[in-house]
Amino acid sequence: MVAEGFQSIEERMATKDDLKNFATKDDLKNFATKDDLKILEKMMEDGFSSLRSELSTIRKDLVRLEEKIDQLAKTETEDVSAAYTDIADLRKRVEKLERQLQVQPA
């Protein structure tokens, strides 16, 4: 049973060949330090903060545009309705004049 435990440990241990792919001391010199990562984190947070601000502005502009479109649609509907009413009134007036003048409708 103890032998099985050691065999299990040996199977999980790294060999010299496994370690050849690990970073060397020279490789580690080029790795980012904790301070480097903190600076990067601050830069990213500032960038994201700026993007959030711009996105907020764009959303507000979009809401204003949607309100303007809704108002234009309402105004258009009112204008078209008024134009149809005017046309109907004008037809009635033309028909009345045609009857008074005894003119055949066109």
N, C-alpha and C. Protein backbone atom coordinates (compact mmCIF):
# COMPACT_ATOMS: atom_id res chain seq x y z
N MET A 1 0.82 -1.18 0.00
CA MET A 1 0.00 0.00 0.00
C MET A 1 0.87 1.26 0.00
N VAL A 2 1.94 1.24 0.76
CA VAL A 2 2.88 2.37 0.78
C VAL A 2 3.52 2.52 -0.59
N ALA A 3 3.84 1.39 -1.21
CA ALA A 3 4.46 1.43 -2.54
C ALA A 3 3.53 2.07 -3.54
N GLU A 4 2.27 1.78 -3.43
CA GLU A 4 1.29 2.39 -4.34
C GLU A 4 1.25 3.90 -4.14
N GLY A 5 1.36 4.34 -2.89
CA GLY A 5 1.37 5.78 -2.60
C GLY A 5 2.55 6.47 -3.23
N PHE A 6 3.75 5.84 -3.13
CA PHE A 6 4.95 6.41 -3.75
C PHE A 6 4.83 6.41 -5.26
N GLN A 7 4.27 5.36 -5.80
CA GLN A 7 4.11 5.28 -7.26
C GLN A 7 3.19 6.41 -7.73
N SER A 8 2.14 6.66 -6.99
CA SER A 8 1.21 7.74 -7.34
C SER A 8 1.93 9.09 -7.32
N ILE A 9 2.77 9.30 -6.32
CA ILE A 9 3.52 10.56 -6.22
C ILE A 9 4.51 10.67 -7.37
N GLU A 10 5.21 9.60 -7.69
CA GLU A 10 6.19 9.62 -8.78
C GLU A 10 5.52 9.93 -10.11
N GLU A 11 4.31 9.46 -10.31
CA GLU A 11 3.60 9.70 -11.57
C GLU A 11 3.25 11.18 -11.73
N ARG A 12 3.08 11.85 -10.62
CA ARG A 12 2.71 13.27 -10.67
C ARG A 12 3.91 14.20 -10.64
N MET A 13 5.07 13.71 -10.38
CA MET A 13 6.28 14.54 -10.29
C MET A 13 6.77 14.91 -11.69
N ALA A 14 7.36 16.09 -11.78
CA ALA A 14 7.92 16.55 -13.06
C ALA A 14 9.29 15.93 -13.29
N THR A 15 9.57 15.62 -14.54
CA THR A 15 10.87 15.08 -14.92
C THR A 15 11.74 16.21 -15.45
N LYS A 16 13.03 15.92 -15.71
CA LYS A 16 13.92 16.93 -16.29
C LYS A 16 13.38 17.39 -17.64
N ASP A 17 12.84 16.44 -18.41
CA ASP A 17 12.28 16.82 -19.71
C ASP A 17 11.08 17.75 -19.54
N ASP A 18 10.26 17.49 -18.52
CA ASP A 18 9.11 18.37 -18.26
C ASP A 18 9.57 19.78 -17.92
N LEU A 19 10.66 19.90 -17.18
CA LEU A 19 11.14 21.20 -16.71
C LEU A 19 11.85 22.01 -17.79
N LYS A 20 12.22 21.37 -18.90
CA LYS A 20 12.90 22.09 -19.98
C LYS A 20 12.01 23.19 -20.56
N ASN A 21 10.70 23.02 -20.48
CA ASN A 21 9.76 24.00 -21.05
C ASN A 21 9.41 25.11 -20.07
N PHE A 22 9.93 25.06 -18.86
CA PHE A 22 9.67 26.10 -17.87
C PHE A 22 10.49 27.34 -18.19
N ALA A 23 10.13 28.44 -17.58
CA ALA A 23 10.82 29.70 -17.81
C ALA A 23 12.21 29.67 -17.17
N THR A 24 13.15 30.31 -17.84
CA THR A 24 14.51 30.43 -17.31
C THR A 24 14.61 31.74 -16.52
N LYS A 25 15.76 31.94 -15.84
CA LYS A 25 15.96 33.18 -15.10
C LYS A 25 15.91 34.38 -16.04
N ASP A 26 16.47 34.23 -17.24
CA ASP A 26 16.42 35.33 -18.21
C ASP A 26 14.98 35.62 -18.63
N ASP A 27 14.18 34.55 -18.80
CA ASP A 27 12.77 34.76 -19.15
C ASP A 27 12.06 35.53 -18.06
N LEU A 28 12.35 35.20 -16.82
CA LEU A 28 11.68 35.83 -15.68
C LEU A 28 12.03 37.31 -15.54
N LYS A 29 13.19 37.72 -16.06
CA LYS A 29 13.57 39.13 -15.99
C LYS A 29 12.60 40.01 -16.77
N ASN A 30 11.99 39.44 -17.80
CA ASN A 30 11.09 40.20 -18.65
C ASN A 30 9.63 40.13 -18.20
N PHE A 31 9.35 39.37 -17.15
CA PHE A 31 7.97 39.26 -16.66
C PHE A 31 7.56 40.55 -15.98
N ALA A 32 6.28 40.82 -15.97
CA ALA A 32 5.77 42.01 -15.30
C ALA A 32 5.86 41.83 -13.79
N THR A 33 6.16 42.92 -13.13
CA THR A 33 6.21 42.91 -11.67
C THR A 33 4.82 43.26 -11.13
N LYS A 34 4.67 43.15 -9.82
CA LYS A 34 3.39 43.53 -9.21
C LYS A 34 3.10 45.01 -9.47
N ASP A 35 4.14 45.83 -9.40
CA ASP A 35 3.96 47.26 -9.67
C ASP A 35 3.54 47.49 -11.12
N ASP A 36 4.14 46.74 -12.04
CA ASP A 36 3.76 46.84 -13.45
C ASP A 36 2.28 46.49 -13.61
N LEU A 37 1.86 45.44 -12.94
CA LEU A 37 0.46 45.00 -13.05
C LEU A 37 -0.49 46.02 -12.43
N LYS A 38 -0.07 46.65 -11.33
CA LYS A 38 -0.91 47.68 -10.71
C LYS A 38 -1.06 48.88 -11.65
N ILE A 39 0.03 49.27 -12.30
CA ILE A 39 -0.02 50.37 -13.26
C ILE A 39 -0.94 50.02 -14.42
N LEU A 40 -0.81 48.81 -14.92
CA LEU A 40 -1.66 48.35 -16.02
C LEU A 40 -3.13 48.33 -15.59
N GLU A 41 -3.38 47.86 -14.37
CA GLU A 41 -4.75 47.82 -13.85
C GLU A 41 -5.33 49.23 -13.78
N LYS A 42 -4.54 50.19 -13.30
CA LYS A 42 -5.00 51.59 -13.21
C LYS A 42 -5.29 52.15 -14.60
N MET A 43 -4.40 51.86 -15.55
CA MET A 43 -4.60 52.35 -16.92
C MET A 43 -5.88 51.77 -17.52
N MET A 44 -6.09 50.49 -17.29
CA MET A 44 -7.29 49.85 -17.83
C MET A 44 -8.55 50.40 -17.16
N GLU A 45 -8.50 50.60 -15.85
CA GLU A 45 -9.66 51.15 -15.15
C GLU A 45 -9.98 52.56 -15.65
N ASP A 46 -8.95 53.37 -15.86
CA ASP A 46 -9.16 54.72 -16.40
C ASP A 46 -9.79 54.65 -17.79
N GLY A 47 -9.28 53.73 -18.60
CA GLY A 47 -9.83 53.56 -19.95
C GLY A 47 -11.28 53.10 -19.92
N PHE A 48 -11.57 52.13 -19.05
CA PHE A 48 -12.94 51.64 -18.94
C PHE A 48 -13.87 52.72 -18.38
N SER A 49 -13.35 53.52 -17.45
CA SER A 49 -14.15 54.60 -16.89
C SER A 49 -14.53 55.59 -17.99
N SER A 50 -13.56 55.90 -18.83
CA SER A 50 -13.80 56.82 -19.95
C SER A 50 -14.83 56.22 -20.91
N LEU A 51 -14.69 54.94 -21.19
CA LEU A 51 -15.65 54.28 -22.09
C LEU A 51 -17.05 54.27 -21.49
N ARG A 52 -17.14 54.01 -20.18
CA ARG A 52 -18.45 54.02 -19.52
C ARG A 52 -19.09 55.41 -19.63
N SER A 53 -18.28 56.44 -19.46
CA SER A 53 -18.79 57.80 -19.55
C SER A 53 -19.30 58.09 -20.97
N GLU A 54 -18.51 57.71 -21.96
CA GLU A 54 -18.93 57.92 -23.35
C GLU A 54 -20.19 57.13 -23.67
N LEU A 55 -20.26 55.91 -23.17
CA LEU A 55 -21.43 55.07 -23.41
C LEU A 55 -22.67 55.69 -22.78
N SER A 56 -22.51 56.26 -21.60
CA SER A 56 -23.62 56.93 -20.93
C SER A 56 -24.12 58.11 -21.76
N THR A 57 -23.18 58.88 -22.29
CA THR A 57 -23.54 60.02 -23.14
C THR A 57 -24.27 59.56 -24.40
N ILE A 58 -23.79 58.49 -25.00
CA ILE A 58 -24.42 57.96 -26.21
C ILE A 58 -25.83 57.48 -25.90
N ARG A 59 -26.01 56.83 -24.76
CA ARG A 59 -27.35 56.36 -24.37
C ARG A 59 -28.30 57.53 -24.20
N LYS A 60 -27.83 58.60 -23.55
CA LYS A 60 -28.67 59.79 -23.36
C LYS A 60 -29.04 60.39 -24.71
N ASP A 61 -28.07 60.47 -25.62
CA ASP A 61 -28.35 60.99 -26.96
C ASP A 61 -29.37 60.12 -27.67
N LEU A 62 -29.25 58.83 -27.52
CA LEU A 62 -30.18 57.89 -28.16
C LEU A 62 -31.59 58.09 -27.62
N VAL A 63 -31.73 58.29 -26.32
CA VAL A 63 -33.04 58.53 -25.73
C VAL A 63 -33.64 59.81 -26.30
N ARG A 64 -32.81 60.87 -26.39
CA ARG A 64 -33.30 62.13 -26.96
C ARG A 64 -33.73 61.95 -28.42
N LEU A 65 -32.96 61.20 -29.18
CA LEU A 65 -33.33 60.95 -30.58
C LEU A 65 -34.63 60.17 -30.69
N GLU A 66 -34.80 59.18 -29.83
CA GLU A 66 -36.04 58.40 -29.84
C GLU A 66 -37.23 59.30 -29.51
N GLU A 67 -37.07 60.21 -28.55
CA GLU A 67 -38.14 61.14 -28.21
C GLU A 67 -38.47 62.05 -29.38
N LYS A 68 -37.43 62.54 -30.08
CA LYS A 68 -37.66 63.40 -31.24
C LYS A 68 -38.38 62.63 -32.36
N ILE A 69 -37.98 61.39 -32.57
CA ILE A 69 -38.63 60.57 -33.61
C ILE A 69 -40.09 60.35 -33.26
N ASP A 70 -40.35 60.05 -31.98
CA ASP A 70 -41.74 59.86 -31.55
C ASP A 70 -42.56 61.12 -31.78
N GLN A 71 -41.97 62.28 -31.46
CA GLN A 71 -42.67 63.55 -31.66
C GLN A 71 -42.91 63.81 -33.14
N LEU A 72 -41.90 63.52 -33.96
CA LEU A 72 -42.08 63.71 -35.41
C LEU A 72 -43.17 62.79 -35.96
N ALA A 73 -43.21 61.56 -35.50
CA ALA A 73 -44.24 60.63 -35.95
C ALA A 73 -45.62 61.12 -35.56
N LYS A 74 -45.74 61.64 -34.33
CA LYS A 74 -47.02 62.17 -33.86
C LYS A 74 -47.43 63.37 -34.70
N THR A 75 -46.48 64.29 -34.94
CA THR A 75 -46.75 65.48 -35.74
C THR A 75 -47.16 65.10 -37.17
N GLU A 76 -46.45 64.11 -37.73
CA GLU A 76 -46.78 63.67 -39.09
C GLU A 76 -48.20 63.12 -39.14
N THR A 77 -48.55 62.30 -38.17
CA THR A 77 -49.90 61.73 -38.12
C THR A 77 -50.95 62.84 -38.04
N GLU A 78 -50.68 63.83 -37.18
CA GLU A 78 -51.61 64.95 -37.05
C GLU A 78 -51.71 65.74 -38.35
N ASP A 79 -50.56 65.98 -39.00
CA ASP A 79 -50.55 66.73 -40.26
C ASP A 79 -51.29 65.99 -41.37
N VAL A 80 -51.06 64.70 -41.46
CA VAL A 80 -51.74 63.91 -42.50
C VAL A 80 -53.23 63.90 -42.25
N SER A 81 -53.61 63.73 -41.01
CA SER A 81 -55.03 63.73 -40.66
C SER A 81 -55.67 65.07 -41.02
N ALA A 82 -54.98 66.17 -40.72
CA ALA A 82 -55.49 67.50 -41.05
C ALA A 82 -55.59 67.67 -42.56
N ALA A 83 -54.62 67.17 -43.31
CA ALA A 83 -54.65 67.28 -44.77
C ALA A 83 -55.83 66.49 -45.33
N TYR A 84 -56.11 65.30 -44.82
CA TYR A 84 -57.25 64.51 -45.29
C TYR A 84 -58.56 65.24 -44.99
N THR A 85 -58.64 65.87 -43.82
CA THR A 85 -59.84 66.63 -43.46
C THR A 85 -60.02 67.80 -44.42
N ASP A 86 -58.94 68.52 -44.71
CA ASP A 86 -59.00 69.65 -45.65
C ASP A 86 -59.44 69.18 -47.04
N ILE A 87 -58.90 68.07 -47.49
CA ILE A 87 -59.26 67.54 -48.81
C ILE A 87 -60.74 67.18 -48.85
N ALA A 88 -61.23 66.55 -47.80
CA ALA A 88 -62.65 66.17 -47.74
C ALA A 88 -63.53 67.42 -47.75
N ASP A 89 -63.13 68.44 -46.99
CA ASP A 89 -63.89 69.69 -46.97
C ASP A 89 -63.89 70.36 -48.34
N LEU A 90 -62.73 70.37 -49.00
CA LEU A 90 -62.63 70.98 -50.33
C LEU A 90 -63.49 70.23 -51.35
N ARG A 91 -63.52 68.91 -51.27
CA ARG A 91 -64.38 68.13 -52.19
C ARG A 91 -65.84 68.51 -52.01
N LYS A 92 -66.25 68.64 -50.75
CA LYS A 92 -67.65 69.02 -50.48
C LYS A 92 -67.96 70.39 -51.07
N ARG A 93 -67.02 71.33 -50.92
CA ARG A 93 -67.22 72.67 -51.45
C ARG A 93 -67.28 72.66 -52.97
N VAL A 94 -66.40 71.86 -53.59
CA VAL A 94 -66.40 71.77 -55.06
C VAL A 94 -67.71 71.15 -55.53
N GLU A 95 -68.16 70.10 -54.86
CA GLU A 95 -69.43 69.46 -55.25
C GLU A 95 -70.60 70.45 -55.13
N LYS A 96 -70.58 71.26 -54.04
CA LYS A 96 -71.64 72.24 -53.84
C LYS A 96 -71.61 73.29 -54.95
N LEU A 97 -70.41 73.77 -55.30
CA LEU A 97 -70.28 74.76 -56.39
C LEU A 97 -70.72 74.16 -57.72
N GLU A 98 -70.36 72.91 -57.96
CA GLU A 98 -70.75 72.26 -59.21
C GLU A 98 -72.27 72.15 -59.30
N ARG A 99 -72.93 71.85 -58.17
CA ARG A 99 -74.39 71.77 -58.17
C ARG A 99 -75.01 73.14 -58.43
N GLN A 100 -74.43 74.18 -57.77
CA GLN A 100 -74.98 75.53 -57.94
C GLN A 100 -74.78 76.02 -59.38
N LEU A 101 -73.65 75.67 -59.97
CA LEU A 101 -73.36 76.13 -61.33
C LEU A 101 -73.88 75.12 -62.37
N GLN A 102 -74.42 74.05 -61.89
CA GLN A 102 -74.93 72.97 -62.75
C GLN A 102 -73.85 72.49 -63.72
N VAL A 103 -72.69 72.26 -63.17
CA VAL A 103 -71.54 71.77 -63.95
C VAL A 103 -71.41 70.28 -63.67
N GLN A 104 -71.08 69.54 -64.73
CA GLN A 104 -70.85 68.09 -64.57
C GLN A 104 -69.55 67.87 -63.84
N PRO A 105 -69.54 66.98 -62.84
CA PRO A 105 -68.25 66.69 -62.15
C PRO A 105 -67.25 66.07 -63.11
N ALA A 106 -66.02 66.38 -62.91
CA ALA A 106 -64.96 65.87 -63.78
C ALA A 106 -64.61 64.45 -63.42
